[in-house]
């Protein structure tokens, strides 16, 4: 029997700390590979830099995978609001709801953890077998480039 997503469990104990760095992951409904479509993936990438999202968080790095997104950010507002705005924007642009409820987050405590976290995040397409070299995967970015 399929179990419903436990998005409410993901929110237990979550606190937003402005100025804190977070690594956030969220998935498409039923892990549908929405972002195999080039236009959808490109829109998802561009949305990280939308003004409405930039008010809540500064994007340090991201990777848009076929069925999920990893986002490394510096929080300026509320974490749940930053993710909500991003998901709503992408869904609205695509003209349909595409996301599972909830998200996973991990706070990064030290600045020296940022670049290793970004490298790990950006290497996801290689680990997933989508490409052999990250330069061959177009749906990622990092401020350190």
Protein backbone atom coordinates (compact mmCIF):
# COMPACT_ATOMS: atom_id res chain seq x y z
CA UNK A 1 0.00 0.00 0.00
CA UNK A 2 1.34 3.45 -0.91
CA UNK A 3 1.86 5.80 1.97
CA UNK A 4 1.05 9.49 1.62
CA UNK A 5 3.96 11.92 1.79
CA UNK A 6 4.76 13.00 5.32
CA UNK A 7 5.32 16.68 4.58
CA UNK A 8 3.99 17.62 8.01
CA UNK A 9 6.78 15.56 9.58
CA UNK A 10 9.36 17.52 7.61
CA UNK A 11 8.23 20.73 9.32
CA UNK A 12 8.70 19.50 12.90
CA UNK A 13 11.39 21.48 14.66
CA UNK A 14 12.11 23.68 11.64
CA UNK A 15 13.30 27.18 12.47
CA UNK A 16 14.21 29.85 9.95
CA UNK A 17 17.28 31.87 10.80
CA UNK A 18 17.91 34.86 8.53
CA UNK A 19 21.56 34.94 7.52
CA UNK A 20 21.82 31.15 7.85
CA UNK A 21 22.88 28.95 4.92
CA UNK A 22 20.60 26.07 3.97
CA UNK A 23 20.75 23.16 1.58
CA UNK A 24 17.17 22.47 0.51
CA UNK A 25 15.76 19.59 -1.54
CA UNK A 26 12.24 19.24 -2.91
CA UNK A 27 10.72 16.81 -5.38
CA UNK A 28 8.09 16.73 -8.09
CA UNK A 29 4.79 14.94 -7.51
CA UNK A 30 5.29 11.20 -7.62
CA UNK A 31 8.85 11.95 -8.74
CA UNK A 32 7.65 12.67 -12.27
CA UNK A 33 10.62 13.67 -14.48
CA UNK A 34 9.13 17.10 -15.29
CA UNK A 35 12.55 18.62 -15.91
CA UNK A 36 13.57 16.27 -18.67
CA UNK A 37 11.78 18.89 -20.76
CA UNK A 38 14.35 21.55 -21.63
CA UNK A 39 11.95 24.50 -21.39
CA UNK A 40 10.66 23.39 -17.97
CA UNK A 41 14.19 22.89 -16.64
CA UNK A 42 15.35 26.23 -18.00
CA UNK A 43 12.38 27.99 -16.40
CA UNK A 44 13.14 26.27 -13.08
CA UNK A 45 16.74 27.52 -13.29
CA UNK A 46 15.77 31.09 -14.15
CA UNK A 47 13.24 31.22 -11.31
CA UNK A 48 15.99 31.14 -8.67
CA UNK A 49 16.86 34.69 -9.70
CA UNK A 50 13.34 36.13 -9.75
CA UNK A 51 12.88 39.24 -7.63
CA UNK A 52 10.17 37.61 -5.50
CA UNK A 53 12.55 34.81 -4.54
CA UNK A 54 15.56 37.09 -4.11
CA UNK A 55 13.68 38.97 -1.38
CA UNK A 56 13.56 35.77 0.69
CA UNK A 57 16.88 34.12 -0.16
CA UNK A 58 20.15 34.58 -2.00
CA UNK A 59 20.92 31.68 -4.31
CA UNK A 60 24.46 30.35 -3.90
CA UNK A 61 24.10 27.20 -5.99
CA UNK A 62 21.44 24.89 -7.39
CA UNK A 63 20.91 21.89 -9.59
CA UNK A 64 17.64 21.02 -11.30
CA UNK A 65 17.42 17.25 -11.68
CA UNK A 66 14.72 15.53 -13.75
CA UNK A 67 12.46 14.94 -10.72
CA UNK A 68 13.83 17.13 -7.93
CA UNK A 69 15.77 20.27 -7.11
CA UNK A 70 18.69 20.98 -4.77
CA UNK A 71 19.15 24.60 -3.67
CA UNK A 72 21.97 26.07 -1.60
CA UNK A 73 20.91 29.46 -0.28
CA UNK A 74 21.54 32.18 2.24
CA UNK A 75 18.27 32.96 3.93
CA UNK A 76 17.07 36.56 4.09
CA UNK A 77 13.47 35.89 5.15
CA UNK A 78 11.62 32.70 6.09
CA UNK A 79 12.76 29.35 4.69
CA UNK A 80 9.26 27.96 4.17
CA UNK A 81 8.25 31.16 2.39
CA UNK A 82 11.28 31.08 0.08
CA UNK A 83 10.50 27.51 -0.95
CA UNK A 84 6.77 28.23 -1.26
CA UNK A 85 7.40 31.22 -3.54
CA UNK A 86 9.84 29.27 -5.70
CA UNK A 87 7.50 26.29 -6.09
CA UNK A 88 4.50 28.52 -6.79
CA UNK A 89 6.40 30.51 -9.41
CA UNK A 90 7.60 27.43 -11.29
CA UNK A 91 4.16 25.80 -11.13
CA UNK A 92 2.46 28.99 -12.35
CA UNK A 93 4.90 29.36 -15.23
CA UNK A 94 4.34 25.74 -16.26
CA UNK A 95 0.57 26.11 -15.84
CA UNK A 96 0.15 23.19 -13.44
CA UNK A 97 1.00 22.00 -9.96
CA UNK A 98 4.16 19.90 -10.16
CA UNK A 99 5.56 19.64 -6.62
CA UNK A 100 5.21 17.21 -3.75
CA UNK A 101 4.30 18.95 -0.50
CA UNK A 102 7.15 19.76 1.84
CA UNK A 103 10.90 19.85 1.49
CA UNK A 104 14.03 18.68 3.25
CA UNK A 105 16.51 21.20 4.61
CA UNK A 106 19.87 21.10 6.29
CA UNK A 107 21.45 24.15 7.89
CA UNK A 108 25.13 24.69 7.19
CA UNK A 109 26.87 26.15 10.22
CA UNK A 110 30.28 27.13 8.86
CA UNK A 111 31.17 29.20 5.81
CA UNK A 112 33.91 26.73 4.90
CA UNK A 113 31.17 24.10 4.39
CA UNK A 114 29.57 26.08 1.54
CA UNK A 115 31.88 25.22 -1.36
CA UNK A 116 32.04 21.49 -0.53
CA UNK A 117 28.22 21.46 -0.27
CA UNK A 118 27.94 23.24 -3.63
CA UNK A 119 30.39 20.79 -5.24
CA UNK A 120 28.40 17.84 -3.88
CA UNK A 121 25.12 19.39 -5.05
CA UNK A 122 26.41 20.20 -8.55
CA UNK A 123 27.84 16.67 -8.96
CA UNK A 124 24.37 15.13 -8.66
CA UNK A 125 23.92 14.71 -12.45
CA UNK A 126 27.22 12.78 -12.60
CA UNK A 127 26.27 10.50 -9.67
CA UNK A 128 22.85 9.95 -11.28
CA UNK A 129 24.51 8.86 -14.53
CA UNK A 130 22.97 11.70 -16.55
CA UNK A 131 26.37 12.98 -17.76
CA UNK A 132 30.03 12.12 -17.39
CA UNK A 133 31.20 15.73 -16.97
CA UNK A 134 29.29 18.49 -15.19
CA UNK A 135 29.97 20.84 -18.08
CA UNK A 136 27.68 18.62 -20.15
CA UNK A 137 24.70 19.25 -17.82
CA UNK A 138 23.08 22.65 -18.35
CA UNK A 139 20.73 22.93 -15.36
CA UNK A 140 22.93 24.14 -12.51
CA UNK A 141 24.78 27.20 -11.30
CA UNK A 142 27.09 28.29 -8.49
CA UNK A 143 28.25 31.76 -7.49
CA UNK A 144 31.87 30.60 -7.34
CA UNK A 145 32.20 30.31 -11.12
